[in-house]
C-alpha cells in the first residue's frame, strides 16, 4: 500500500507547509483593515485576527445614539469581513503552492 512512497519528501513538504502557515499567520497579524460607514463618519481598524485596533467617530453622531449604533456595527462588520477575506485568500494561495492544480497552472 505504501510501496514507492518517499516519506522523507512527505515529511519535508509537511514542514514547509507548517512554516508557510506560521509565516502567513504572522503576516496576517501585521495587516490592518479599515471599515467605514456613514460616508466615513465612522472608521474602524482591525488587524488580521479581527481584533479592534482603532475607532474614529465623527462628533456629529454623538447626539444620535441609534444612528451611531447602526453605523458602528456596519463599520466593524466591514472591517472584520476584509480581515477574514484576506485570511481566506492567503490560505488558498498557500494550498495552491502545494497543489498546482488549484491555481489553474497545473
C-alpha atoms as a PDB file:
ATOM      1  CA  UNK A   1       0.000   0.000   0.000  1.00  0.00           C
ATOM      2  CA  UNK A   2       2.830   2.412   0.801  1.00  0.00           C
ATOM      3  CA  UNK A   3       5.329   0.999  -1.655  1.00  0.00           C
ATOM      4  CA  UNK A   4       7.284   3.611  -3.548  1.00  0.00           C
ATOM      5  CA  UNK A   5       6.275   6.463  -1.240  1.00  0.00           C
ATOM      6  CA  UNK A   6       9.063   8.820  -0.259  1.00  0.00           C
ATOM      7  CA  UNK A   7       8.264   9.574   3.368  1.00  0.00           C
ATOM      8  CA  UNK A   8      11.281  11.853   3.639  1.00  0.00           C
ATOM      9  CA  UNK A   9       9.851  14.076   0.914  1.00  0.00           C
ATOM     10  CA  UNK A  10       6.407  13.940   2.540  1.00  0.00           C
ATOM     11  CA  UNK A  11       7.911  14.999   5.874  1.00  0.00           C
ATOM     12  CA  UNK A  12       9.767  17.851   4.173  1.00  0.00           C
ATOM     13  CA  UNK A  13       6.542  19.017   2.488  1.00  0.00           C
ATOM     14  CA  UNK A  14       4.728  18.991   5.843  1.00  0.00           C
ATOM     15  CA  UNK A  15       7.497  21.049   7.455  1.00  0.00           C
ATOM     16  CA  UNK A  16       7.324  23.536   4.577  1.00  0.00           C
ATOM     17  CA  UNK A  17       3.546  23.753   4.943  1.00  0.00           C
ATOM     18  CA  UNK A  18       3.854  24.402   8.676  1.00  0.00           C
ATOM     19  CA  UNK A  19       6.482  27.080   8.111  1.00  0.00           C
ATOM     20  CA  UNK A  20       4.328  28.766   5.460  1.00  0.00           C
ATOM     21  CA  UNK A  21       1.285  28.619   7.741  1.00  0.00           C
ATOM     22  CA  UNK A  22       3.236  30.273  10.585  1.00  0.00           C
ATOM     23  CA  UNK A  23       4.558  32.960   8.237  1.00  0.00           C
ATOM     24  CA  UNK A  24       1.041  33.541   6.884  1.00  0.00           C
ATOM     25  CA  UNK A  25      -0.332  33.972  10.423  1.00  0.00           C
ATOM     26  CA  UNK A  26       2.421  36.408  11.372  1.00  0.00           C
ATOM     27  CA  UNK A  27       1.938  38.383   8.160  1.00  0.00           C
ATOM     28  CA  UNK A  28      -1.819  38.491   8.677  1.00  0.00           C
ATOM     29  CA  UNK A  29      -1.445  39.740  12.253  1.00  0.00           C
ATOM     30  CA  UNK A  30       0.533  42.728  10.993  1.00  0.00           C
ATOM     31  CA  UNK A  31      -2.060  43.771   8.400  1.00  0.00           C
ATOM     32  CA  UNK A  32      -4.598  46.472   9.192  1.00  0.00           C
ATOM     33  CA  UNK A  33      -8.054  46.575   7.621  1.00  0.00           C
ATOM     34  CA  UNK A  34     -10.278  49.635   7.742  1.00  0.00           C
ATOM     35  CA  UNK A  35     -14.047  49.511   7.697  1.00  0.00           C
ATOM     36  CA  UNK A  36     -16.147  52.616   7.127  1.00  0.00           C
ATOM     37  CA  UNK A  37     -19.791  53.534   7.298  1.00  0.00           C
ATOM     38  CA  UNK A  38     -21.910  56.650   7.091  1.00  0.00           C
ATOM     39  CA  UNK A  39     -19.746  58.050   4.321  1.00  0.00           C
ATOM     40  CA  UNK A  40     -16.675  57.772   6.521  1.00  0.00           C
ATOM     41  CA  UNK A  41     -18.306  59.242   9.610  1.00  0.00           C
ATOM     42  CA  UNK A  42     -17.288  56.084  11.423  1.00  0.00           C
ATOM     43  CA  UNK A  43     -13.987  54.351  10.736  1.00  0.00           C
ATOM     44  CA  UNK A  44     -12.660  51.270  12.486  1.00  0.00           C
ATOM     45  CA  UNK A  45      -9.402  49.420  12.079  1.00  0.00           C
ATOM     46  CA  UNK A  46      -8.853  45.740  12.825  1.00  0.00           C
ATOM     47  CA  UNK A  47      -5.821  43.543  12.412  1.00  0.00           C
ATOM     48  CA  UNK A  48      -5.697  40.223  10.572  1.00  0.00           C
ATOM     49  CA  UNK A  49      -7.002  38.471  13.676  1.00  0.00           C
ATOM     50  CA  UNK A  50     -10.109  40.688  13.592  1.00  0.00           C
ATOM     51  CA  UNK A  51      -9.036  42.461  16.776  1.00  0.00           C
ATOM     52  CA  UNK A  52     -10.231  46.060  17.007  1.00  0.00           C
ATOM     53  CA  UNK A  53      -7.256  48.444  16.910  1.00  0.00           C
ATOM     54  CA  UNK A  54      -8.784  51.871  16.421  1.00  0.00           C
ATOM     55  CA  UNK A  55     -12.161  53.576  16.294  1.00  0.00           C
ATOM     56  CA  UNK A  56     -12.960  57.049  14.981  1.00  0.00           C
ATOM     57  CA  UNK A  57     -16.438  58.556  15.327  1.00  0.00           C
ATOM     58  CA  UNK A  58     -17.466  61.893  13.835  1.00  0.00           C
ATOM     59  CA  UNK A  59     -18.645  64.184  16.620  1.00  0.00           C
ATOM     60  CA  UNK A  60     -21.940  64.894  14.828  1.00  0.00           C
ATOM     61  CA  UNK A  61     -23.046  61.319  15.553  1.00  0.00           C
ATOM     62  CA  UNK A  62     -22.672  61.591  19.307  1.00  0.00           C
ATOM     63  CA  UNK A  63     -26.159  63.074  19.730  1.00  0.00           C
ATOM     64  CA  UNK A  64     -27.912  60.242  17.823  1.00  0.00           C
ATOM     65  CA  UNK A  65     -27.295  57.031  19.708  1.00  0.00           C
ATOM     66  CA  UNK A  66     -29.348  54.795  17.391  1.00  0.00           C
ATOM     67  CA  UNK A  67     -27.622  56.028  14.227  1.00  0.00           C
ATOM     68  CA  UNK A  68     -24.276  55.664  15.976  1.00  0.00           C
ATOM     69  CA  UNK A  69     -25.007  52.042  16.884  1.00  0.00           C
ATOM     70  CA  UNK A  70     -26.162  51.134  13.378  1.00  0.00           C
ATOM     71  CA  UNK A  71     -23.184  52.771  11.677  1.00  0.00           C
ATOM     72  CA  UNK A  72     -20.719  51.342  14.180  1.00  0.00           C
ATOM     73  CA  UNK A  73     -21.991  47.809  13.631  1.00  0.00           C
ATOM     74  CA  UNK A  74     -21.708  48.288   9.871  1.00  0.00           C
ATOM     75  CA  UNK A  75     -18.149  49.594  10.042  1.00  0.00           C
ATOM     76  CA  UNK A  76     -16.969  46.841  12.399  1.00  0.00           C
ATOM     77  CA  UNK A  77     -18.557  44.131  10.272  1.00  0.00           C
ATOM     78  CA  UNK A  78     -16.981  45.636   7.150  1.00  0.00           C
ATOM     79  CA  UNK A  79     -13.501  45.590   8.677  1.00  0.00           C
ATOM     80  CA  UNK A  80     -13.908  42.061  10.038  1.00  0.00           C
ATOM     81  CA  UNK A  81     -15.037  40.829   6.615  1.00  0.00           C
ATOM     82  CA  UNK A  82     -11.974  42.398   4.961  1.00  0.00           C
ATOM     83  CA  UNK A  83      -9.769  40.640   7.515  1.00  0.00           C
ATOM     84  CA  UNK A  84     -11.485  37.281   7.003  1.00  0.00           C
ATOM     85  CA  UNK A  85     -11.322  37.605   3.202  1.00  0.00           C
ATOM     86  CA  UNK A  86      -7.584  38.300   3.366  1.00  0.00           C
ATOM     87  CA  UNK A  87      -7.035  35.287   5.631  1.00  0.00           C
ATOM     88  CA  UNK A  88      -9.032  33.048   3.281  1.00  0.00           C
ATOM     89  CA  UNK A  89      -7.109  34.312   0.236  1.00  0.00           C
ATOM     90  CA  UNK A  90      -3.770  33.673   1.953  1.00  0.00           C
ATOM     91  CA  UNK A  91      -4.825  30.149   2.934  1.00  0.00           C
ATOM     92  CA  UNK A  92      -5.909  29.398  -0.630  1.00  0.00           C
ATOM     93  CA  UNK A  93      -2.624  30.728  -2.018  1.00  0.00           C
ATOM     94  CA  UNK A  94      -0.685  28.582   0.440  1.00  0.00           C
ATOM     95  CA  UNK A  95      -2.658  25.484  -0.522  1.00  0.00           C
ATOM     96  CA  UNK A  96      -2.218  26.302  -4.208  1.00  0.00           C
ATOM     97  CA  UNK A  97       1.552  26.423  -3.762  1.00  0.00           C
ATOM     98  CA  UNK A  98       1.455  22.760  -2.721  1.00  0.00           C
ATOM     99  CA  UNK A  99      -1.211  21.710  -5.209  1.00  0.00           C
ATOM    100  CA  UNK A 100      -0.580  23.438  -8.553  1.00  0.00           C
ATOM    101  CA  UNK A 101      -3.931  22.262  -9.941  1.00  0.00           C
ATOM    102  CA  UNK A 102      -5.724  24.641  -7.546  1.00  0.00           C
ATOM    103  CA  UNK A 103      -4.025  27.665  -9.007  1.00  0.00           C
ATOM    104  CA  UNK A 104      -5.056  26.832 -12.556  1.00  0.00           C
ATOM    105  CA  UNK A 105      -1.450  26.412 -13.704  1.00  0.00           C
ATOM    106  CA  UNK A 106      -1.245  22.657 -13.479  1.00  0.00           C
END
